[in-house]
C-alpha atoms as a PDB file:
ATOM      1  CA  MET A   1       4.071   3.030 -22.617  1.00  0.00           C
ATOM      2  CA  SER A   2       3.859   4.632 -19.220  1.00  0.00           C
ATOM      3  CA  ASP A   3       3.176   2.586 -15.788  1.00  0.00           C
ATOM      4  CA  PHE A   4      -1.063   3.904 -16.347  1.00  0.00           C
ATOM      5  CA  SER A   5      -3.356   2.793 -18.446  1.00  0.00           C
ATOM      6  CA  PRO A   6      -6.708   3.620 -19.228  1.00  0.00           C
ATOM      7  CA  LEU A   7      -7.307   0.310 -20.830  1.00  0.00           C
ATOM      8  CA  PRO A   8      -9.412  -2.686 -18.276  1.00  0.00           C
ATOM      9  CA  THR A   9      -6.799  -5.867 -18.050  1.00  0.00           C
ATOM     10  CA  ALA A  10      -6.903  -7.861 -20.871  1.00  0.00           C
ATOM     11  CA  ASP A  11      -7.237 -11.747 -20.421  1.00  0.00           C
ATOM     12  CA  GLN A  12      -5.676 -12.695 -23.838  1.00  0.00           C
ATOM     13  CA  GLU A  13      -3.351 -10.546 -26.201  1.00  0.00           C
ATOM     14  CA  LEU A  14      -3.920 -10.909 -30.140  1.00  0.00           C
ATOM     15  CA  ASP A  15      -0.887  -9.125 -31.486  1.00  0.00           C
ATOM     16  CA  THR A  16      -1.898  -8.267 -35.396  1.00  0.00           C
ATOM     17  CA  THR A  17       0.997  -5.605 -36.314  1.00  0.00           C
ATOM     18  CA  GLY A  18       2.239  -5.853 -39.748  1.00  0.00           C
ATOM     19  CA  LEU A  19      -1.819  -6.812 -40.636  1.00  0.00           C
ATOM     20  CA  LEU A  20      -3.798  -4.236 -42.761  1.00  0.00           C
ATOM     21  CA  CYS A  21      -7.754  -4.170 -42.803  1.00  0.00           C
ATOM     22  CA  PRO A  22      -9.793  -6.789 -42.214  1.00  0.00           C
ATOM     23  CA  LEU A  23      -7.354  -9.193 -41.164  1.00  0.00           C
ATOM     24  CA  PRO A  24      -6.702  -7.612 -37.026  1.00  0.00           C
ATOM     25  CA  VAL A  25     -10.411  -7.746 -36.976  1.00  0.00           C
ATOM     26  CA  LEU A  26     -11.129 -11.452 -38.362  1.00  0.00           C
ATOM     27  CA  LYS A  27      -7.818 -12.283 -35.928  1.00  0.00           C
ATOM     28  CA  ALA A  28      -9.707 -11.018 -33.111  1.00  0.00           C
ATOM     29  CA  ARG A  29     -13.362 -11.925 -33.916  1.00  0.00           C
ATOM     30  CA  ARG A  30     -11.788 -15.288 -33.916  1.00  0.00           C
ATOM     31  CA  ALA A  31     -10.010 -14.927 -30.703  1.00  0.00           C
ATOM     32  CA  LEU A  32     -13.402 -13.563 -29.248  1.00  0.00           C
ATOM     33  CA  ASN A  33     -15.082 -16.389 -30.239  1.00  0.00           C
ATOM     34  CA  THR A  34     -12.745 -18.523 -27.589  1.00  0.00           C
ATOM     35  CA  MET A  35     -13.284 -16.499 -25.013  1.00  0.00           C
ATOM     36  CA  GLN A  36     -16.064 -15.888 -22.137  1.00  0.00           C
ATOM     37  CA  SER A  37     -18.505 -12.835 -21.787  1.00  0.00           C
ATOM     38  CA  GLY A  38     -17.106 -10.416 -20.149  1.00  0.00           C
ATOM     39  CA  GLN A  39     -13.558 -11.489 -20.815  1.00  0.00           C
ATOM     40  CA  CYS A  40     -11.010  -8.479 -22.613  1.00  0.00           C
ATOM     41  CA  LEU A  41      -8.970  -9.199 -25.625  1.00  0.00           C
ATOM     42  CA  LYS A  42      -6.219  -6.332 -26.057  1.00  0.00           C
ATOM     43  CA  VAL A  43      -5.288  -6.246 -29.491  1.00  0.00           C
ATOM     44  CA  ILE A  44      -1.942  -4.798 -31.039  1.00  0.00           C
ATOM     45  CA  ALA A  45      -2.376  -3.260 -34.268  1.00  0.00           C
ATOM     46  CA  THR A  46      -0.085  -0.958 -36.335  1.00  0.00           C
ATOM     47  CA  ASP A  47      -2.974  -0.281 -39.263  1.00  0.00           C
ATOM     48  CA  SER A  48      -4.099   2.898 -39.153  1.00  0.00           C
ATOM     49  CA  LYS A  49      -7.563   2.194 -39.902  1.00  0.00           C
ATOM     50  CA  ALA A  50      -7.455  -0.372 -37.320  1.00  0.00           C
ATOM     51  CA  PRO A  51      -9.324   1.961 -34.583  1.00  0.00           C
ATOM     52  CA  GLY A  52     -12.492   2.893 -36.760  1.00  0.00           C
ATOM     53  CA  ASP A  53     -12.986  -0.249 -38.329  1.00  0.00           C
ATOM     54  CA  PHE A  54     -12.957  -1.887 -34.145  1.00  0.00           C
ATOM     55  CA  ALA A  55     -15.835   0.611 -33.786  1.00  0.00           C
ATOM     56  CA  ALA A  56     -17.446  -0.272 -36.696  1.00  0.00           C
ATOM     57  CA  TYR A  57     -17.021  -4.061 -35.711  1.00  0.00           C
ATOM     58  CA  CYS A  58     -18.179  -3.861 -32.099  1.00  0.00           C
ATOM     59  CA  GLU A  59     -21.284  -1.564 -33.080  1.00  0.00           C
ATOM     60  CA  GLN A  60     -21.972  -4.611 -35.179  1.00  0.00           C
ATOM     61  CA  SER A  61     -21.078  -7.750 -32.898  1.00  0.00           C
ATOM     62  CA  GLY A  62     -22.533  -6.053 -29.619  1.00  0.00           C
ATOM     63  CA  ASP A  63     -18.913  -6.473 -27.914  1.00  0.00           C
ATOM     64  CA  SER A  64     -17.633  -3.598 -26.229  1.00  0.00           C
ATOM     65  CA  LEU A  65     -14.633  -1.502 -27.759  1.00  0.00           C
ATOM     66  CA  CYS A  66     -13.059  -0.767 -23.862  1.00  0.00           C
ATOM     67  CA  GLY A  67     -10.640   1.952 -26.190  1.00  0.00           C
ATOM     68  CA  VAL A  68      -7.873   2.360 -28.111  1.00  0.00           C
ATOM     69  CA  VAL A  69      -4.685   4.313 -27.191  1.00  0.00           C
ATOM     70  CA  PRO A  70      -1.578   5.090 -29.590  1.00  0.00           C
ATOM     71  CA  ASP A  71       1.857   3.676 -28.704  1.00  0.00           C
ATOM     72  CA  GLY A  72       4.139   5.493 -30.949  1.00  0.00           C
ATOM     73  CA  GLU A  73       3.325   3.495 -34.320  1.00  0.00           C
ATOM     74  CA  ARG A  74       1.181   1.335 -33.322  1.00  0.00           C
ATOM     75  CA  TYR A  75      -2.415   0.990 -30.930  1.00  0.00           C
ATOM     76  CA  LEU A  76      -3.605  -0.821 -28.114  1.00  0.00           C
ATOM     77  CA  ILE A  77      -7.135  -1.866 -28.614  1.00  0.00           C
ATOM     78  CA  VAL A  78      -9.464  -3.252 -26.146  1.00  0.00           C
ATOM     79  CA  VAL A  79     -12.529  -5.410 -26.708  1.00  0.00           C
ATOM     80  CA  ARG A  80     -14.884  -6.769 -24.226  1.00  0.00           C
ATOM     81  CA  LYS A  81     -16.823  -9.972 -25.250  1.00  0.00           C
ATOM     82  CA  ARG A  82     -20.499  -9.466 -24.882  1.00  0.00           C
END
């Protein structure tokens, strides 16, 4: 990955490598519940369905999907807590 990233700086990081739907979203929701409003969670996911799953989750939860960046065989996903 290059030094430039369009994603905001994360306050916390969660590695869900190897986990399949719905586990990445469930683990992210648990992590977000411990965070303060406005903080960002960076999720590392390898499930190809993760970008869509996080978009749907954010639509329902009111949290913001700040971005999804493919990085080789994984996705870097940043969610900002509402």
